[in-house]
Amino acid sequence: MGIVIGIDVGGSITKIVGLLDDKIIGFLKVKATDAITSTFGGFGKFITDNKINIKDIKEILITGVGSTYIKDKIYDIPTYMVDEFTAIGYGGLMLSSLSKAIIVSMGTGTAFISASEDKIEHIGGTGVGGGTLLGLSRLMLNMDDFNHIIELANDGDLNKIDLSVNDITKSAVSNLSPETTASNFGKISDLAEKSDIALGIINLIFQSIGMLSVFACKSSVINDVVLTGNLTQITQAKTIFDTLNKIYKINFIIPKNAEFSTALGAAIISNKNIKKVKL
């Protein structure tokens, strides 16, 4: 059984995972100005870094928004295009070691996948995601560097940005704690600094995604949510989702290497009876 390479071609970032006998042999993430450059350049770097002989590669499976730019097989290796939502589902299950879960892919926007070993179903999505983070930060902070925004938010104070339950009532409201957000940006202060606004934007995005995840779980009778995609690397993610866990008793999981879920899922499809389009 040869090596299988899964490639998730994004708009600006391409992720690559290698599998041998269903065991992960490497991860790689590269940035490039176009899909073709990132795919071929990233593939070359991946096999070099992992000391892989190109003759040992069985096939390559590609997915993602940029995969449509790849029109032919890569370096004469059998190459297939696979459905992105299916890849997200299988990748999330493998990374979390679960047999059933809601897999949430947080990229430019956000996709919600109901996944089990025998069925992967795209149940919806939202335009709130990484694109929202960069767009609002550009507008409100005059910043568009992802890492700089996250670093700035580390010193933020949500009390200067969000209206909480405690701000509007002194009585208990169902199972909500007094600190629960009643309105994102509902209490933005004239004294709010850039760091507070940056944290407010991140909180708005993660709480929106988190609540949609809760609704998906309630309607599917599933209690586990696996968070994947580039936004899982944001420092504040775990804290915000842990808070939602306490309120709604939904198990939010950010597995190791969560940003590679889609590329991993593409590789997993190699051994499944699932439609693949040969290039």
C-alpha atoms as a PDB file:
ATOM      1  CA  MET A   1       0.000   0.000   0.000  1.00  0.00           C
ATOM      2  CA  GLY A   2       1.537   3.314  -1.100  1.00  0.00           C
ATOM      3  CA  ILE A   3       1.560   6.772   0.390  1.00  0.00           C
ATOM      4  CA  VAL A   4      -1.549   8.913  -0.079  1.00  0.00           C
ATOM      5  CA  ILE A   5      -1.266  12.706  -0.138  1.00  0.00           C
ATOM      6  CA  GLY A   6      -4.214  14.933   0.767  1.00  0.00           C
ATOM      7  CA  ILE A   7      -4.092  18.593  -0.309  1.00  0.00           C
ATOM      8  CA  ASP A   8      -6.502  21.308   0.796  1.00  0.00           C
ATOM      9  CA  VAL A   9      -6.056  24.227  -1.613  1.00  0.00           C
ATOM     10  CA  GLY A  10      -7.356  27.387   0.031  1.00  0.00           C
ATOM     11  CA  GLY A  11      -7.562  30.920  -1.268  1.00  0.00           C
ATOM     12  CA  SER A  12      -4.215  31.932   0.247  1.00  0.00           C
ATOM     13  CA  ILE A  13      -3.065  28.932   2.309  1.00  0.00           C
ATOM     14  CA  THR A  14      -2.595  25.351   1.139  1.00  0.00           C
ATOM     15  CA  LYS A  15      -2.377  22.469   3.615  1.00  0.00           C
ATOM     16  CA  ILE A  16      -0.884  19.044   2.898  1.00  0.00           C
ATOM     17  CA  VAL A  17      -1.072  15.771   4.830  1.00  0.00           C
ATOM     18  CA  GLY A  18       0.485  12.397   4.056  1.00  0.00           C
ATOM     19  CA  LEU A  19      -0.925   8.986   5.041  1.00  0.00           C
ATOM     20  CA  LEU A  20       0.723   5.585   4.975  1.00  0.00           C
ATOM     21  CA  ASP A  21      -1.377   2.604   6.100  1.00  0.00           C
ATOM     22  CA  ASP A  22      -3.813   5.097   7.692  1.00  0.00           C
ATOM     23  CA  LYS A  23      -1.032   6.638   9.780  1.00  0.00           C
ATOM     24  CA  ILE A  24      -0.132  10.315   9.417  1.00  0.00           C
ATOM     25  CA  ILE A  25       3.420  10.826   8.177  1.00  0.00           C
ATOM     26  CA  GLY A  26       3.550  14.609   7.971  1.00  0.00           C
ATOM     27  CA  PHE A  27       1.845  18.004   7.830  1.00  0.00           C
ATOM     28  CA  LEU A  28       2.693  21.117   5.831  1.00  0.00           C
ATOM     29  CA  LYS A  29       1.137  24.554   5.477  1.00  0.00           C
ATOM     30  CA  VAL A  30       2.263  27.003   2.795  1.00  0.00           C
ATOM     31  CA  LYS A  31       1.207  30.458   1.640  1.00  0.00           C
ATOM     32  CA  ALA A  32       1.291  31.594  -1.965  1.00  0.00           C
ATOM     33  CA  THR A  33      -0.284  34.154  -4.247  1.00  0.00           C
ATOM     34  CA  ASP A  34      -2.070  31.560  -6.369  1.00  0.00           C
ATOM     35  CA  ALA A  35      -3.414  28.014  -6.063  1.00  0.00           C
ATOM     36  CA  ILE A  36      -1.130  26.406  -8.642  1.00  0.00           C
ATOM     37  CA  THR A  37       2.045  27.804  -7.080  1.00  0.00           C
ATOM     38  CA  SER A  38       1.049  26.761  -3.571  1.00  0.00           C
ATOM     39  CA  THR A  39      -0.036  23.281  -4.659  1.00  0.00           C
ATOM     40  CA  PHE A  40       3.010  22.318  -6.723  1.00  0.00           C
ATOM     41  CA  GLY A  41       5.492  24.178  -4.537  1.00  0.00           C
ATOM     42  CA  GLY A  42       3.973  22.851  -1.336  1.00  0.00           C
ATOM     43  CA  PHE A  43       3.915  19.287  -2.674  1.00  0.00           C
ATOM     44  CA  GLY A  44       7.617  19.495  -3.566  1.00  0.00           C
ATOM     45  CA  LYS A  45       8.512  20.828  -0.140  1.00  0.00           C
ATOM     46  CA  PHE A  46       6.377  18.193   1.588  1.00  0.00           C
ATOM     47  CA  ILE A  47       8.056  15.208  -0.090  1.00  0.00           C
ATOM     48  CA  THR A  48      11.488  16.777   0.444  1.00  0.00           C
ATOM     49  CA  ASP A  49      10.910  17.512   4.145  1.00  0.00           C
ATOM     50  CA  ASN A  50       9.539  14.009   4.767  1.00  0.00           C
ATOM     51  CA  LYS A  51      12.146  12.248   2.583  1.00  0.00           C
ATOM     52  CA  ILE A  52       9.471  10.655   0.398  1.00  0.00           C
ATOM     53  CA  ASN A  53      10.393   9.015  -2.891  1.00  0.00           C
ATOM     54  CA  ILE A  54       7.867  10.164  -5.475  1.00  0.00           C
ATOM     55  CA  LYS A  55       7.605   6.560  -6.741  1.00  0.00           C
ATOM     56  CA  ASP A  56       6.191   5.531  -3.351  1.00  0.00           C
ATOM     57  CA  ILE A  57       3.145   7.816  -3.693  1.00  0.00           C
ATOM     58  CA  LYS A  58      -0.001   5.909  -4.615  1.00  0.00           C
ATOM     59  CA  GLU A  59      -2.219   8.915  -5.350  1.00  0.00           C
ATOM     60  CA  ILE A  60      -2.970  12.536  -4.544  1.00  0.00           C
ATOM     61  CA  LEU A  61      -6.398  13.775  -3.497  1.00  0.00           C
ATOM     62  CA  ILE A  62      -7.109  17.493  -3.647  1.00  0.00           C
ATOM     63  CA  THR A  63      -9.989  19.585  -2.348  1.00  0.00           C
ATOM     64  CA  GLY A  64     -10.762  23.143  -1.278  1.00  0.00           C
ATOM     65  CA  VAL A  65     -11.854  26.322  -3.045  1.00  0.00           C
ATOM     66  CA  GLY A  66      -8.609  26.566  -5.013  1.00  0.00           C
ATOM     67  CA  SER A  67      -8.589  22.975  -6.224  1.00  0.00           C
ATOM     68  CA  THR A  68     -10.578  23.856  -9.354  1.00  0.00           C
ATOM     69  CA  TYR A  69      -7.459  25.575 -10.704  1.00  0.00           C
ATOM     70  CA  ILE A  70      -5.661  22.237 -10.833  1.00  0.00           C
ATOM     71  CA  LYS A  71      -6.592  20.768 -14.220  1.00  0.00           C
ATOM     72  CA  ASP A  72      -4.230  17.800 -14.526  1.00  0.00           C
ATOM     73  CA  LYS A  73      -2.447  15.226 -12.381  1.00  0.00           C
ATOM     74  CA  ILE A  74       0.449  16.391 -10.259  1.00  0.00           C
ATOM     75  CA  TYR A  75       3.926  15.212 -11.352  1.00  0.00           C
ATOM     76  CA  ASP A  76       2.326  12.354 -13.311  1.00  0.00           C
ATOM     77  CA  ILE A  77       0.904  10.837 -10.105  1.00  0.00           C
ATOM     78  CA  PRO A  78      -2.776   9.732 -10.187  1.00  0.00           C
ATOM     79  CA  THR A  79      -4.624  12.798  -8.909  1.00  0.00           C
ATOM     80  CA  TYR A  80      -8.278  13.104  -7.896  1.00  0.00           C
ATOM     81  CA  MET A  81     -10.569  15.908  -6.795  1.00  0.00           C
ATOM     82  CA  VAL A  82     -12.853  15.133  -3.834  1.00  0.00           C
ATOM     83  CA  ASP A  83     -15.772  16.898  -2.169  1.00  0.00           C
ATOM     84  CA  GLU A  84     -14.624  19.410   0.451  1.00  0.00           C
ATOM     85  CA  PHE A  85     -17.484  18.852   2.905  1.00  0.00           C
ATOM     86  CA  THR A  86     -16.896  15.101   2.882  1.00  0.00           C
ATOM     87  CA  ALA A  87     -13.197  15.692   3.530  1.00  0.00           C
ATOM     88  CA  ILE A  88     -13.984  18.028   6.430  1.00  0.00           C
ATOM     89  CA  GLY A  89     -16.166  15.377   8.033  1.00  0.00           C
ATOM     90  CA  TYR A  90     -13.758  12.462   7.814  1.00  0.00           C
ATOM     91  CA  GLY A  91     -10.777  14.593   8.829  1.00  0.00           C
ATOM     92  CA  GLY A  92     -12.547  15.922  11.914  1.00  0.00           C
ATOM     93  CA  LEU A  93     -13.581  12.439  13.024  1.00  0.00           C
ATOM     94  CA  MET A  94     -10.045  11.069  12.691  1.00  0.00           C
ATOM     95  CA  LEU A  95      -8.400  13.964  14.523  1.00  0.00           C
ATOM     96  CA  SER A  96     -10.893  13.733  17.396  1.00  0.00           C
ATOM     97  CA  SER A  97     -11.058   9.904  17.495  1.00  0.00           C
ATOM     98  CA  LEU A  98     -14.865  10.151  17.509  1.00  0.00           C
ATOM     99  CA  SER A  99     -17.318   8.040  15.547  1.00  0.00           C
ATOM    100  CA  LYS A 100     -19.976  10.777  15.396  1.00  0.00           C
ATOM    101  CA  ALA A 101     -19.832  14.567  15.782  1.00  0.00           C
ATOM    102  CA  ILE A 102     -20.698  17.952  14.359  1.00  0.00           C
ATOM    103  CA  ILE A 103     -17.558  19.066  12.520  1.00  0.00           C
ATOM    104  CA  VAL A 104     -17.176  22.841  12.218  1.00  0.00           C
ATOM    105  CA  SER A 105     -14.722  24.158   9.639  1.00  0.00           C
ATOM    106  CA  MET A 106     -13.770  27.734  10.475  1.00  0.00           C
ATOM    107  CA  GLY A 107     -12.121  29.285   7.443  1.00  0.00           C
ATOM    108  CA  THR A 108     -12.979  32.437   5.506  1.00  0.00           C
ATOM    109  CA  GLY A 109     -16.583  31.490   6.304  1.00  0.00           C
ATOM    110  CA  THR A 110     -17.801  28.584   8.416  1.00  0.00           C
ATOM    111  CA  ALA A 111     -19.264  25.213   7.392  1.00  0.00           C
ATOM    112  CA  PHE A 112     -21.184  22.799   9.623  1.00  0.00           C
ATOM    113  CA  ILE A 113     -20.968  19.064   8.889  1.00  0.00           C
ATOM    114  CA  SER A 114     -22.884  16.243  10.567  1.00  0.00           C
ATOM    115  CA  ALA A 115     -20.421  13.354  10.450  1.00  0.00           C
ATOM    116  CA  SER A 116     -20.456   9.671  11.276  1.00  0.00           C
ATOM    117  CA  GLU A 117     -18.490   6.735   9.900  1.00  0.00           C
ATOM    118  CA  ASP A 118     -21.258   5.882   7.430  1.00  0.00           C
ATOM    119  CA  LYS A 119     -22.671   9.322   6.577  1.00  0.00           C
ATOM    120  CA  ILE A 120     -21.255  12.805   6.014  1.00  0.00           C
ATOM    121  CA  GLU A 121     -23.814  15.578   5.547  1.00  0.00           C
ATOM    122  CA  HIS A 122     -23.324  19.306   5.024  1.00  0.00           C
ATOM    123  CA  ILE A 123     -26.047  20.843   7.196  1.00  0.00           C
ATOM    124  CA  GLY A 124     -25.346  24.515   6.579  1.00  0.00           C
ATOM    125  CA  GLY A 125     -22.951  27.369   7.056  1.00  0.00           C
ATOM    126  CA  THR A 126     -22.460  31.028   7.819  1.00  0.00           C
ATOM    127  CA  GLY A 127     -20.489  33.845   6.227  1.00  0.00           C
ATOM    128  CA  VAL A 128     -19.057  34.649   9.668  1.00  0.00           C
ATOM    129  CA  GLY A 129     -15.460  33.486   9.854  1.00  0.00           C
ATOM    130  CA  GLY A 130     -11.883  34.544   9.145  1.00  0.00           C
ATOM    131  CA  GLY A 131     -12.976  36.913   6.392  1.00  0.00           C
ATOM    132  CA  THR A 132     -15.195  38.670   8.938  1.00  0.00           C
ATOM    133  CA  LEU A 133     -12.276  38.988  11.331  1.00  0.00           C
ATOM    134  CA  LEU A 134     -10.014  40.577   8.741  1.00  0.00           C
ATOM    135  CA  GLY A 135     -12.742  42.773   7.241  1.00  0.00           C
ATOM    136  CA  LEU A 136     -13.960  44.227  10.543  1.00  0.00           C
ATOM    137  CA  SER A 137     -10.390  44.663  11.776  1.00  0.00           C
ATOM    138  CA  ARG A 138      -9.485  46.545   8.615  1.00  0.00           C
ATOM    139  CA  LEU A 139     -12.508  48.800   9.053  1.00  0.00           C
ATOM    140  CA  MET A 140     -12.376  49.345  12.812  1.00  0.00           C
ATOM    141  CA  LEU A 141      -8.667  48.983  13.615  1.00  0.00           C
ATOM    142  CA  ASN A 142      -6.971  49.797  10.311  1.00  0.00           C
ATOM    143  CA  MET A 143      -5.212  46.433  10.629  1.00  0.00           C
ATOM    144  CA  ASP A 144      -5.262  43.405   8.352  1.00  0.00           C
ATOM    145  CA  ASP A 145      -2.440  41.204   9.650  1.00  0.00           C
ATOM    146  CA  PHE A 146      -3.995  38.132  11.253  1.00  0.00           C
ATOM    147  CA  ASN A 147      -1.224  37.550  13.809  1.00  0.00           C
ATOM    148  CA  HIS A 148      -1.033  41.205  14.831  1.00  0.00           C
ATOM    149  CA  ILE A 149      -4.792  41.322  15.455  1.00  0.00           C
ATOM    150  CA  ILE A 150      -4.665  38.221  17.662  1.00  0.00           C
ATOM    151  CA  GLU A 151      -1.685  39.567  19.604  1.00  0.00           C
ATOM    152  CA  LEU A 152      -3.459  42.892  20.138  1.00  0.00           C
ATOM    153  CA  ALA A 153      -6.583  41.144  21.436  1.00  0.00           C
ATOM    154  CA  ASN A 154      -4.595  39.484  24.219  1.00  0.00           C
ATOM    155  CA  ASP A 155      -4.766  42.740  26.187  1.00  0.00           C
ATOM    156  CA  GLY A 156      -8.455  43.382  25.443  1.00  0.00           C
ATOM    157  CA  ASP A 157     -11.293  43.885  27.938  1.00  0.00           C
ATOM    158  CA  LEU A 158     -14.785  42.787  26.850  1.00  0.00           C
ATOM    159  CA  ASN A 159     -16.385  44.852  29.624  1.00  0.00           C
ATOM    160  CA  LYS A 160     -15.706  47.893  27.458  1.00  0.00           C
ATOM    161  CA  ILE A 161     -17.355  46.317  24.403  1.00  0.00           C
ATOM    162  CA  ASP A 162     -20.140  43.812  25.110  1.00  0.00           C
ATOM    163  CA  LEU A 163     -23.383  44.191  27.009  1.00  0.00           C
ATOM    164  CA  SER A 164     -23.765  41.345  29.500  1.00  0.00           C
ATOM    165  CA  VAL A 165     -26.830  39.892  31.193  1.00  0.00           C
ATOM    166  CA  ASN A 166     -25.655  41.524  34.405  1.00  0.00           C
ATOM    167  CA  ASP A 167     -25.789  44.955  32.709  1.00  0.00           C
ATOM    168  CA  ILE A 168     -29.516  44.701  31.953  1.00  0.00           C
ATOM    169  CA  THR A 169     -30.981  42.737  34.864  1.00  0.00           C
ATOM    170  CA  LYS A 170     -30.165  41.775  38.438  1.00  0.00           C
ATOM    171  CA  SER A 171     -32.444  38.755  38.298  1.00  0.00           C
ATOM    172  CA  ALA A 172     -31.402  35.279  37.203  1.00  0.00           C
ATOM    173  CA  VAL A 173     -32.154  34.519  33.550  1.00  0.00           C
ATOM    174  CA  SER A 174     -32.673  30.780  33.056  1.00  0.00           C
ATOM    175  CA  ASN A 175     -29.296  28.994  33.089  1.00  0.00           C
ATOM    176  CA  LEU A 176     -27.304  32.033  31.968  1.00  0.00           C
ATOM    177  CA  SER A 177     -24.537  33.406  34.146  1.00  0.00           C
ATOM    178  CA  PRO A 178     -24.440  37.175  34.799  1.00  0.00           C
ATOM    179  CA  GLU A 179     -21.353  37.422  32.543  1.00  0.00           C
ATOM    180  CA  THR A 180     -23.154  35.927  29.533  1.00  0.00           C
ATOM    181  CA  THR A 181     -23.128  38.220  26.487  1.00  0.00           C
ATOM    182  CA  ALA A 182     -26.506  39.848  25.893  1.00  0.00           C
ATOM    183  CA  SER A 183     -25.341  41.979  22.958  1.00  0.00           C
ATOM    184  CA  ASN A 184     -22.026  41.931  21.095  1.00  0.00           C
ATOM    185  CA  PHE A 185     -20.707  45.497  20.875  1.00  0.00           C
ATOM    186  CA  GLY A 186     -23.830  46.590  22.780  1.00  0.00           C
ATOM    187  CA  LYS A 187     -21.844  48.528  25.388  1.00  0.00           C
ATOM    188  CA  ILE A 188     -18.897  49.842  23.408  1.00  0.00           C
ATOM    189  CA  SER A 189     -17.283  52.595  25.442  1.00  0.00           C
ATOM    190  CA  ASP A 190     -15.710  55.829  24.266  1.00  0.00           C
ATOM    191  CA  LEU A 191     -12.750  54.684  26.330  1.00  0.00           C
ATOM    192  CA  ALA A 192     -12.419  51.394  24.464  1.00  0.00           C
ATOM    193  CA  GLU A 193      -8.929  50.850  23.083  1.00  0.00           C
ATOM    194  CA  LYS A 194      -7.858  48.969  19.976  1.00  0.00           C
ATOM    195  CA  SER A 195      -7.110  45.868  22.041  1.00  0.00           C
ATOM    196  CA  ASP A 196     -10.669  45.862  23.432  1.00  0.00           C
ATOM    197  CA  ILE A 197     -12.175  46.183  19.956  1.00  0.00           C
ATOM    198  CA  ALA A 198      -9.954  43.396  18.608  1.00  0.00           C
ATOM    199  CA  LEU A 199     -11.118  41.066  21.376  1.00  0.00           C
ATOM    200  CA  GLY A 200     -14.719  42.127  20.772  1.00  0.00           C
ATOM    201  CA  ILE A 201     -14.475  41.164  17.100  1.00  0.00           C
ATOM    202  CA  ILE A 202     -13.005  37.751  17.940  1.00  0.00           C
ATOM    203  CA  ASN A 203     -15.652  37.171  20.603  1.00  0.00           C
ATOM    204  CA  LEU A 204     -18.444  38.127  18.179  1.00  0.00           C
ATOM    205  CA  ILE A 205     -17.188  35.624  15.601  1.00  0.00           C
ATOM    206  CA  PHE A 206     -16.634  32.701  17.973  1.00  0.00           C
ATOM    207  CA  GLN A 207     -19.881  33.230  19.880  1.00  0.00           C
ATOM    208  CA  SER A 208     -21.828  33.329  16.601  1.00  0.00           C
ATOM    209  CA  ILE A 209     -20.176  30.120  15.396  1.00  0.00           C
ATOM    210  CA  GLY A 210     -20.575  28.548  18.828  1.00  0.00           C
ATOM    211  CA  MET A 211     -24.308  29.232  19.045  1.00  0.00           C
ATOM    212  CA  LEU A 212     -24.932  27.860  15.556  1.00  0.00           C
ATOM    213  CA  SER A 213     -23.011  24.761  16.672  1.00  0.00           C
ATOM    214  CA  VAL A 214     -25.264  24.449  19.716  1.00  0.00           C
ATOM    215  CA  PHE A 215     -28.366  24.625  17.506  1.00  0.00           C
ATOM    216  CA  ALA A 216     -26.882  21.995  15.172  1.00  0.00           C
ATOM    217  CA  CYS A 217     -26.259  19.672  18.118  1.00  0.00           C
ATOM    218  CA  LYS A 218     -29.743  20.141  19.552  1.00  0.00           C
ATOM    219  CA  SER A 219     -31.389  19.314  16.224  1.00  0.00           C
ATOM    220  CA  SER A 220     -29.098  16.332  15.563  1.00  0.00           C
ATOM    221  CA  VAL A 221     -29.046  14.896  19.120  1.00  0.00           C
ATOM    222  CA  ILE A 222     -25.247  15.051  19.044  1.00  0.00           C
ATOM    223  CA  ASN A 223     -23.230  16.422  21.953  1.00  0.00           C
ATOM    224  CA  ASP A 224     -19.718  16.709  20.458  1.00  0.00           C
ATOM    225  CA  VAL A 225     -18.500  19.576  18.272  1.00  0.00           C
ATOM    226  CA  VAL A 226     -15.089  19.279  16.623  1.00  0.00           C
ATOM    227  CA  LEU A 227     -13.663  22.668  15.700  1.00  0.00           C
ATOM    228  CA  THR A 228     -11.319  22.723  12.715  1.00  0.00           C
ATOM    229  CA  GLY A 229      -9.724  25.245  10.360  1.00  0.00           C
ATOM    230  CA  ASN A 230      -7.301  28.127  10.694  1.00  0.00           C
ATOM    231  CA  LEU A 231      -9.328  30.015  13.307  1.00  0.00           C
ATOM    232  CA  THR A 232      -8.673  27.234  15.839  1.00  0.00           C
ATOM    233  CA  GLN A 233      -5.171  28.676  16.184  1.00  0.00           C
ATOM    234  CA  ILE A 234      -6.496  31.895  17.750  1.00  0.00           C
ATOM    235  CA  THR A 235      -5.446  32.126  21.403  1.00  0.00           C
ATOM    236  CA  GLN A 236      -8.886  33.125  22.678  1.00  0.00           C
ATOM    237  CA  ALA A 237     -10.775  30.264  20.983  1.00  0.00           C
ATOM    238  CA  LYS A 238     -10.530  27.752  23.822  1.00  0.00           C
ATOM    239  CA  THR A 239     -11.697  30.213  26.494  1.00  0.00           C
ATOM    240  CA  ILE A 240     -14.718  31.378  24.510  1.00  0.00           C
ATOM    241  CA  PHE A 241     -15.853  27.876  23.554  1.00  0.00           C
ATOM    242  CA  ASP A 242     -15.258  26.590  27.104  1.00  0.00           C
ATOM    243  CA  THR A 243     -17.691  29.258  28.335  1.00  0.00           C
ATOM    244  CA  LEU A 244     -20.336  28.058  25.871  1.00  0.00           C
ATOM    245  CA  ASN A 245     -19.687  24.494  27.037  1.00  0.00           C
ATOM    246  CA  LYS A 246     -20.491  25.457  30.628  1.00  0.00           C
ATOM    247  CA  ILE A 247     -23.775  27.105  29.629  1.00  0.00           C
ATOM    248  CA  TYR A 248     -25.113  24.617  27.076  1.00  0.00           C
ATOM    249  CA  LYS A 249     -23.294  21.393  28.057  1.00  0.00           C
ATOM    250  CA  ILE A 250     -21.968  20.909  24.519  1.00  0.00           C
ATOM    251  CA  ASN A 251     -18.506  19.365  24.265  1.00  0.00           C
ATOM    252  CA  PHE A 252     -16.384  21.669  22.080  1.00  0.00           C
ATOM    253  CA  ILE A 253     -13.158  19.987  20.970  1.00  0.00           C
ATOM    254  CA  ILE A 254     -10.138  21.601  19.309  1.00  0.00           C
ATOM    255  CA  PRO A 255      -7.977  18.624  18.323  1.00  0.00           C
ATOM    256  CA  LYS A 256      -4.254  18.803  17.709  1.00  0.00           C
ATOM    257  CA  ASN A 257      -3.502  19.828  14.098  1.00  0.00           C
ATOM    258  CA  ALA A 258      -7.110  20.996  13.688  1.00  0.00           C
ATOM    259  CA  GLU A 259      -6.183  23.306  10.807  1.00  0.00           C
ATOM    260  CA  PHE A 260      -5.241  20.256   8.700  1.00  0.00           C
ATOM    261  CA  SER A 261      -8.589  18.484   9.035  1.00  0.00           C
ATOM    262  CA  THR A 262      -9.739  18.994   5.436  1.00  0.00           C
ATOM    263  CA  ALA A 263      -6.427  17.885   3.888  1.00  0.00           C
ATOM    264  CA  LEU A 264      -6.412  14.833   6.143  1.00  0.00           C
ATOM    265  CA  GLY A 265      -9.997  14.019   5.209  1.00  0.00           C
ATOM    266  CA  ALA A 266      -9.126  14.210   1.518  1.00  0.00           C
ATOM    267  CA  ALA A 267      -6.404  11.608   2.032  1.00  0.00           C
ATOM    268  CA  ILE A 268      -8.739   9.366   4.050  1.00  0.00           C
ATOM    269  CA  ILE A 269     -11.218   9.275   1.149  1.00  0.00           C
ATOM    270  CA  SER A 270      -8.629   7.299  -0.847  1.00  0.00           C
ATOM    271  CA  ASN A 271      -9.674   4.114   0.958  1.00  0.00           C
ATOM    272  CA  LYS A 272     -13.420   4.740   0.936  1.00  0.00           C
ATOM    273  CA  ASN A 273     -16.061   3.995  -1.663  1.00  0.00           C
ATOM    274  CA  ILE A 274     -16.698   7.664  -2.321  1.00  0.00           C
ATOM    275  CA  LYS A 275     -16.832   9.531  -5.635  1.00  0.00           C
ATOM    276  CA  LYS A 276     -13.472  10.879  -6.815  1.00  0.00           C
ATOM    277  CA  VAL A 277     -13.000  12.932  -9.992  1.00  0.00           C
ATOM    278  CA  LYS A 278      -9.859  11.915 -11.850  1.00  0.00           C
ATOM    279  CA  LEU A 279      -7.729  14.723 -13.260  1.00  0.00           C
END
